[in-house]
Amino acid sequence: MLFWLALALFAAWAGPMLWVQFPAARPLALAALAGALAAVVWLRLGPGWGWTGLVLVAGALLLWFFTLPPRQDRDWEPDVARIVRGQVTGDTVTLENIRAFRWTSADHAAVQDWTSRTVNLSHLTGADMITSVWGNPDIAHLLVSFRFSDAPPLTFSVEIRREKGESFSALGGFFRQFELSLIAADEADIVQWRAVPRGEEVRLYPLTLTPDQLRQVFLGFVQLGNDLNARPRWYNTVTANCTTVVWRLSRVLSPDLPLDRSLLLSGYLPEYLDRFGALAGPGTLADKRARALISPRAREMPAGADFSRWIRQE
C-alpha cells in the first residue's frame, strides 16, 4: 500500500508540474510521464523492482525541477519589465525603476514611464496597507504605501513577473512558472489601476508604525528590490507571494509575529493586524474596513485632481 500511495502522490505532483512547464508540448510531456509510470508499475508487478524504478524516475524529475534557475532575461510584460533598486546613503535613498504608468483600461497604459526619485527617510510620516480584492473576498492582493512630508506617496507591490502573453495562474505559481518581482510605483499608477480600470475593491488602512519601524520596513523593501535585481527568485503561491513577503518584512512589528491563516487567505490580513494594534483609527474592525474603502471614491475623481489626496479625503 505504501508503494501505491507514493506512486499516486508522485503522479499527482508530476502531472500538473509538466503541464505548467511544457505548455507547447503538453501531450508529449504527459505521454512521457504515463510511459514512465507504466514502466514503474511493470517493475513492481514483474521483477519486483518497483521501488527502485520509482526512486529513479521521481529522483530524476525532482532533481531537474528543483534545479530550474529563475532568470532575468525573459521577454517581460511592460508593467513588470523593471524591478526597483535603491542606493542608501545615510538617510538618503535614491530609487530607480519607479513605475509611473497611466492606465486607460485594465490591460493598456497610454503612458509607460519609469522614473527615479531621491527620498529622505527623516521625512517618512506614515505607511498604509492597501488591499485589493477582485473576486473571492478571502483573497486579496497586498500593497504597502509610504507617505512623506515633502514628496508624494510611494507604493511597493510584490508581484509575479509575467512574460508577454502570460496571465496569473495559482497552479503556475506552485510550479515555477513565474519569477518574483517587486514593483515600486506612484499611487496614480498602481492603486488607480486596480481601483478604476480593473474595477477591484480597494481598501487603504493607515498603519501604526513608529518612525524606526517605518524606516526598517521601507529599507526592507529597498533591500528586497536590490536582492531580486542581483539574484532572481521564483514566485510561489504559498511560500513567496505578496502576503508572505510582506509578513517577513513586517516582523519588525514583533520579532515573534506568529503564523496565521491570513498568509494563505490574505483577505483576513486586516483582522490579523488589528489584533496586534497595527491598524490606526478608532472603532471596531468593521468601522476601519468601512473607512478604508477607497475604490468608489477613486472612480469619482475629477480630471486633474491629485489621486493620493483625493482617495484620502475624509
Protein backbone atom coordinates (compact mmCIF):
# COMPACT_ATOMS: atom_id res chain seq x y z
CA MET A 1 0.00 0.00 0.00
CA LEU A 2 2.85 2.40 0.77
CA PHE A 3 4.28 1.92 -2.71
CA TRP A 4 0.98 2.64 -4.45
CA LEU A 5 0.39 5.71 -2.25
CA ALA A 6 3.86 7.05 -3.09
CA LEU A 7 3.25 6.39 -6.78
CA ALA A 8 -0.10 8.21 -6.67
CA LEU A 9 1.37 11.23 -4.83
CA PHE A 10 4.24 11.47 -7.31
CA ALA A 11 1.84 11.30 -10.27
CA ALA A 12 -0.39 13.97 -8.68
CA TRP A 13 2.64 16.29 -8.42
CA ALA A 14 4.38 15.43 -11.69
CA GLY A 15 1.33 15.76 -13.95
CA PRO A 16 0.47 19.41 -13.09
CA MET A 17 4.18 20.30 -12.98
CA LEU A 18 4.76 19.08 -16.55
CA TRP A 19 1.52 20.74 -17.66
CA VAL A 20 2.88 24.08 -16.42
CA GLN A 21 6.46 23.64 -17.56
CA PHE A 22 5.74 22.45 -21.12
CA PRO A 23 2.75 24.49 -22.36
CA ALA A 24 3.71 23.97 -26.03
CA ALA A 25 4.22 20.21 -25.70
CA ARG A 26 1.74 19.09 -23.04
CA PRO A 27 0.51 15.93 -24.79
CA LEU A 28 4.09 14.75 -25.35
CA ALA A 29 5.17 15.55 -21.78
CA LEU A 30 2.18 13.80 -20.23
CA ALA A 31 2.59 10.82 -22.54
CA ALA A 32 6.24 10.52 -21.46
CA LEU A 33 5.16 10.64 -17.80
CA ALA A 34 2.50 7.99 -18.42
CA GLY A 35 5.08 5.77 -20.08
CA ALA A 36 7.49 6.18 -17.15
CA LEU A 37 4.74 5.39 -14.63
CA ALA A 38 3.70 2.35 -16.64
CA ALA A 39 7.30 1.13 -16.57
CA VAL A 40 7.41 1.59 -12.79
CA VAL A 41 4.18 -0.40 -12.40
CA TRP A 42 5.59 -3.17 -14.60
CA LEU A 43 8.75 -3.27 -12.49
CA ARG A 44 6.58 -3.59 -9.38
CA LEU A 45 4.35 -6.35 -10.74
CA GLY A 46 7.08 -8.13 -12.69
CA PRO A 47 10.69 -8.24 -11.47
CA GLY A 48 9.75 -6.64 -8.16
CA TRP A 49 11.93 -3.57 -8.59
CA GLY A 50 9.07 -1.11 -8.22
CA TRP A 51 10.70 1.00 -5.51
CA THR A 52 13.93 1.20 -7.49
CA GLY A 53 12.09 2.35 -10.59
CA LEU A 54 10.01 4.89 -8.67
CA VAL A 55 13.05 6.35 -6.93
CA LEU A 56 14.93 6.68 -10.23
CA VAL A 57 12.02 8.31 -12.11
CA ALA A 58 10.96 10.57 -9.24
CA GLY A 59 14.54 11.47 -8.34
CA ALA A 60 15.40 12.47 -11.90
CA LEU A 61 12.28 14.61 -12.29
CA LEU A 62 12.62 16.24 -8.87
CA LEU A 63 16.29 16.98 -9.44
CA TRP A 64 15.50 18.61 -12.79
CA PHE A 65 12.62 20.65 -11.37
CA PHE A 66 14.39 21.97 -8.27
CA THR A 67 17.46 22.99 -10.26
CA LEU A 68 15.46 25.11 -12.74
CA PRO A 69 17.09 28.54 -12.48
CA PRO A 70 15.00 31.73 -12.28
CA ARG A 71 16.03 34.26 -14.93
CA GLN A 72 16.24 38.00 -15.55
CA ASP A 73 16.37 37.96 -19.35
CA ARG A 74 12.87 36.87 -20.42
CA ASP A 75 10.59 38.88 -22.72
CA TRP A 76 8.64 40.56 -19.93
CA GLU A 77 5.29 42.32 -20.00
CA PRO A 78 5.95 46.10 -19.92
CA ASP A 79 4.47 46.67 -16.45
CA VAL A 80 6.91 44.21 -14.83
CA ALA A 81 9.88 44.81 -17.13
CA ARG A 82 11.86 46.50 -14.34
CA ILE A 83 12.39 45.86 -10.64
CA VAL A 84 13.01 48.74 -8.27
CA ARG A 85 16.56 49.21 -6.99
CA GLY A 86 17.93 51.67 -4.47
CA GLN A 87 21.13 53.13 -3.09
CA VAL A 88 21.15 54.06 0.59
CA THR A 89 23.47 56.77 1.93
CA GLY A 90 22.61 57.63 5.49
CA ASP A 91 19.03 58.92 5.49
CA THR A 92 19.05 59.46 1.71
CA VAL A 93 17.70 56.75 -0.58
CA THR A 94 17.97 57.09 -4.36
CA LEU A 95 15.49 54.80 -6.12
CA GLU A 96 15.48 53.77 -9.77
CA ASN A 97 12.81 51.97 -11.81
CA ILE A 98 9.76 53.59 -10.22
CA ARG A 99 6.74 52.88 -12.39
CA ALA A 100 4.54 55.80 -13.43
CA PHE A 101 2.12 54.28 -15.93
CA ARG A 102 -1.21 55.91 -16.68
CA TRP A 103 -3.80 53.24 -17.37
CA THR A 104 -6.76 53.75 -19.71
CA SER A 105 -8.01 50.17 -19.39
CA ALA A 106 -7.18 47.06 -17.41
CA ASP A 107 -4.56 45.98 -19.94
CA HIS A 108 -3.44 49.19 -21.62
CA ALA A 109 -1.42 52.14 -20.33
CA ALA A 110 -1.35 55.23 -22.54
CA VAL A 111 1.77 56.43 -20.66
CA GLN A 112 4.52 53.96 -19.78
CA ASP A 113 7.12 55.92 -17.85
CA TRP A 114 9.80 54.70 -15.46
CA THR A 115 11.24 57.35 -13.18
CA SER A 116 13.80 57.86 -10.41
CA ARG A 117 13.37 59.53 -7.04
CA THR A 118 15.52 60.54 -4.09
CA VAL A 119 13.80 60.43 -0.69
CA ASN A 120 14.90 61.29 2.83
CA LEU A 121 14.00 58.76 5.50
CA SER A 122 13.65 61.52 8.08
CA HIS A 123 10.67 62.77 6.05
CA LEU A 124 8.75 59.48 6.31
CA THR A 125 5.46 60.29 8.03
CA GLY A 126 3.47 57.06 7.78
CA ALA A 127 2.52 53.95 5.88
CA ASP A 128 -0.72 52.45 4.60
CA MET A 129 -1.59 48.84 3.87
CA ILE A 130 -3.67 48.60 0.71
CA THR A 131 -5.74 45.51 -0.06
CA SER A 132 -7.29 44.84 -3.46
CA VAL A 133 -9.97 42.17 -3.96
CA TRP A 134 -11.07 41.09 -7.45
CA GLY A 135 -13.27 38.08 -6.69
CA ASN A 136 -13.16 35.89 -3.61
CA PRO A 137 -13.16 38.25 -0.59
CA ASP A 138 -10.88 35.80 1.25
CA ILE A 139 -8.10 36.52 -1.27
CA ALA A 140 -6.62 39.98 -1.69
CA HIS A 141 -3.53 41.47 -3.27
CA LEU A 142 -1.46 43.41 -0.76
CA LEU A 143 0.44 46.66 -1.34
CA VAL A 144 2.24 48.95 1.11
CA SER A 145 2.34 52.71 0.50
CA PHE A 146 4.74 55.07 2.32
CA ARG A 147 3.90 58.72 2.96
CA PHE A 148 6.44 61.57 3.05
CA SER A 149 6.18 65.13 4.32
CA ASP A 150 7.87 66.52 1.20
CA ALA A 151 7.01 64.05 -1.59
CA PRO A 152 4.07 62.04 -2.97
CA PRO A 153 3.43 58.56 -1.52
CA LEU A 154 5.41 55.64 -2.90
CA THR A 155 3.83 52.20 -3.16
CA PHE A 156 5.55 48.79 -3.16
CA SER A 157 3.88 45.69 -4.57
CA VAL A 158 5.26 42.14 -4.63
CA GLU A 159 4.01 40.54 -7.85
CA ILE A 160 4.58 37.76 -10.35
CA ARG A 161 6.91 38.72 -13.18
CA ARG A 162 4.93 37.77 -16.26
CA GLU A 163 6.35 37.06 -19.67
CA LYS A 164 4.49 38.56 -22.62
CA GLY A 165 1.21 36.76 -23.13
CA GLU A 166 1.18 35.25 -19.65
CA SER A 167 -1.51 35.81 -17.03
CA PHE A 168 -1.65 34.89 -13.36
CA SER A 169 -2.20 31.24 -12.54
CA ALA A 170 -2.32 29.92 -8.98
CA LEU A 171 -1.35 26.50 -10.36
CA GLY A 172 1.59 28.01 -12.23
CA GLY A 173 2.66 29.73 -9.04
CA PHE A 174 3.15 26.33 -7.40
CA PHE A 175 5.34 25.04 -10.24
CA ARG A 176 7.89 27.76 -11.02
CA GLN A 177 6.06 29.43 -13.88
CA PHE A 178 6.80 32.95 -12.64
CA GLU A 179 9.73 34.82 -11.17
CA LEU A 180 9.19 37.12 -8.18
CA SER A 181 9.01 40.86 -8.85
CA LEU A 182 8.97 43.97 -6.66
CA ILE A 183 7.29 46.99 -8.23
CA ALA A 184 7.62 50.50 -6.82
CA ALA A 185 5.09 52.92 -8.27
CA ASP A 186 3.18 56.09 -7.59
CA GLU A 187 -0.38 55.63 -6.38
CA ALA A 188 -1.85 57.23 -9.51
CA ASP A 189 -0.44 54.20 -11.34
CA ILE A 190 -0.71 51.08 -9.23
CA VAL A 191 -3.62 51.92 -6.91
CA GLN A 192 -5.71 53.75 -9.51
CA TRP A 193 -5.18 50.84 -11.94
CA ARG A 194 -6.70 48.35 -9.54
CA ALA A 195 -9.49 50.59 -8.30
CA VAL A 196 -10.70 52.03 -11.62
CA PRO A 197 -9.80 50.15 -14.86
CA ARG A 198 -9.67 46.77 -13.15
CA GLY A 199 -12.74 47.53 -11.02
CA GLU A 200 -11.36 45.87 -7.89
CA GLU A 201 -12.48 46.54 -4.31
CA VAL A 202 -9.59 48.54 -2.86
CA ARG A 203 -9.14 49.49 0.78
CA LEU A 204 -6.48 51.68 2.38
CA TYR A 205 -5.63 51.06 6.04
CA PRO A 206 -3.30 53.51 7.86
CA LEU A 207 -0.77 51.64 9.98
CA THR A 208 0.51 52.46 13.46
CA LEU A 209 4.25 52.22 12.86
CA THR A 210 6.87 54.09 14.84
CA PRO A 211 9.47 56.16 12.93
CA ASP A 212 12.03 53.38 13.46
CA GLN A 213 9.61 50.71 12.22
CA LEU A 214 8.73 52.83 9.17
CA ARG A 215 12.39 53.14 8.34
CA GLN A 216 13.08 49.41 8.78
CA VAL A 217 10.13 48.27 6.65
CA PHE A 218 10.92 50.80 3.91
CA LEU A 219 14.58 49.74 3.80
CA GLY A 220 13.43 46.12 3.78
CA PHE A 221 11.58 46.74 0.53
CA VAL A 222 14.60 48.52 -0.94
CA GLN A 223 16.83 45.60 0.02
CA LEU A 224 14.37 43.11 -1.49
CA GLY A 225 14.43 45.02 -4.78
CA ASN A 226 18.24 45.06 -4.78
CA ASP A 227 18.35 41.34 -3.99
CA LEU A 228 15.95 40.47 -6.83
CA ASN A 229 17.99 42.56 -9.26
CA ALA A 230 21.14 40.75 -8.17
CA ARG A 231 19.66 37.26 -7.95
CA PRO A 232 16.18 36.39 -9.27
CA ARG A 233 13.85 34.20 -7.23
CA TRP A 234 10.81 32.10 -8.00
CA TYR A 235 7.35 33.25 -7.01
CA ASN A 236 5.37 30.64 -5.06
CA THR A 237 1.62 30.73 -4.50
CA VAL A 238 2.07 29.76 -0.84
CA THR A 239 5.61 30.49 0.34
CA ALA A 240 6.73 33.54 -1.69
CA ASN A 241 3.78 35.76 -2.57
CA CYS A 242 2.65 39.32 -1.83
CA THR A 243 1.45 38.42 1.67
CA THR A 244 4.25 36.15 2.91
CA VAL A 245 6.99 38.51 1.72
CA VAL A 246 5.36 41.50 3.44
CA TRP A 247 4.81 39.37 6.57
CA ARG A 248 8.53 38.68 6.75
CA LEU A 249 9.35 42.36 6.30
CA SER A 250 6.74 43.36 8.87
CA ARG A 251 8.22 41.25 11.63
CA VAL A 252 9.81 44.50 12.83
CA LEU A 253 6.40 44.99 14.49
CA SER A 254 7.13 41.94 16.61
CA PRO A 255 10.05 39.54 16.04
CA ASP A 256 7.86 36.62 17.11
CA LEU A 257 4.92 37.55 14.85
CA PRO A 258 3.10 34.20 14.59
CA LEU A 259 1.97 32.36 11.51
CA ASP A 260 -1.68 32.85 10.63
CA ARG A 261 -4.31 31.76 8.10
CA SER A 262 -4.04 35.25 6.53
CA LEU A 263 -0.72 34.18 4.97
CA LEU A 264 -2.82 31.92 2.73
CA LEU A 265 -6.19 33.74 2.88
CA SER A 266 -4.88 37.28 2.54
CA GLY A 267 -8.33 38.81 2.82
CA TYR A 268 -8.05 38.16 6.57
CA LEU A 269 -4.84 40.18 6.94
CA PRO A 270 -6.60 43.33 8.27
CA GLU A 271 -8.19 41.21 11.01
CA TYR A 272 -4.79 39.72 11.85
CA LEU A 273 -3.02 43.09 12.04
CA ASP A 274 -5.84 44.67 14.01
CA ARG A 275 -5.36 42.07 16.76
CA PHE A 276 -1.82 43.44 17.17
CA GLY A 277 -2.98 47.05 17.20
CA ALA A 278 -1.29 47.74 13.86
CA LEU A 279 -4.32 49.37 12.17
CA ALA A 280 -4.75 53.05 13.02
CA GLY A 281 -8.00 54.79 13.83
CA PRO A 282 -10.87 54.42 16.30
CA GLY A 283 -13.68 51.91 16.36
CA THR A 284 -14.11 48.25 15.58
CA LEU A 285 -12.55 46.39 12.66
CA ALA A 286 -15.85 46.83 10.81
CA ASP A 287 -15.56 50.60 11.29
CA LYS A 288 -11.98 50.55 9.99
CA ARG A 289 -12.99 48.45 6.97
CA ALA A 290 -15.76 50.90 6.12
CA ARG A 291 -13.42 53.91 6.33
CA ALA A 292 -10.74 52.08 4.35
CA LEU A 293 -12.85 51.56 1.20
CA ILE A 294 -11.47 53.93 -1.45
CA SER A 295 -12.40 52.36 -4.80
CA PRO A 296 -15.81 54.11 -5.17
CA ARG A 297 -14.16 57.44 -4.38
CA ALA A 298 -11.35 56.74 -6.86
CA ARG A 299 -13.90 56.14 -9.63
CA GLU A 300 -15.49 59.53 -8.93
CA MET A 301 -12.24 61.50 -9.07
CA PRO A 302 -12.48 64.53 -11.41
CA ALA A 303 -9.90 65.06 -14.12
CA GLY A 304 -6.80 66.87 -12.91
CA ALA A 305 -7.24 66.01 -9.22
CA ASP A 306 -4.33 64.70 -7.15
CA PHE A 307 -5.09 60.99 -6.80
CA SER A 308 -3.34 60.42 -3.47
CA ARG A 309 -5.03 63.39 -1.83
CA TRP A 310 -8.40 62.54 -3.34
CA ILE A 311 -8.55 58.98 -2.01
CA ARG A 312 -7.54 60.14 1.50
CA GLN A 313 -10.11 62.89 1.91
CA GLU A 314 -12.48 62.49 4.82
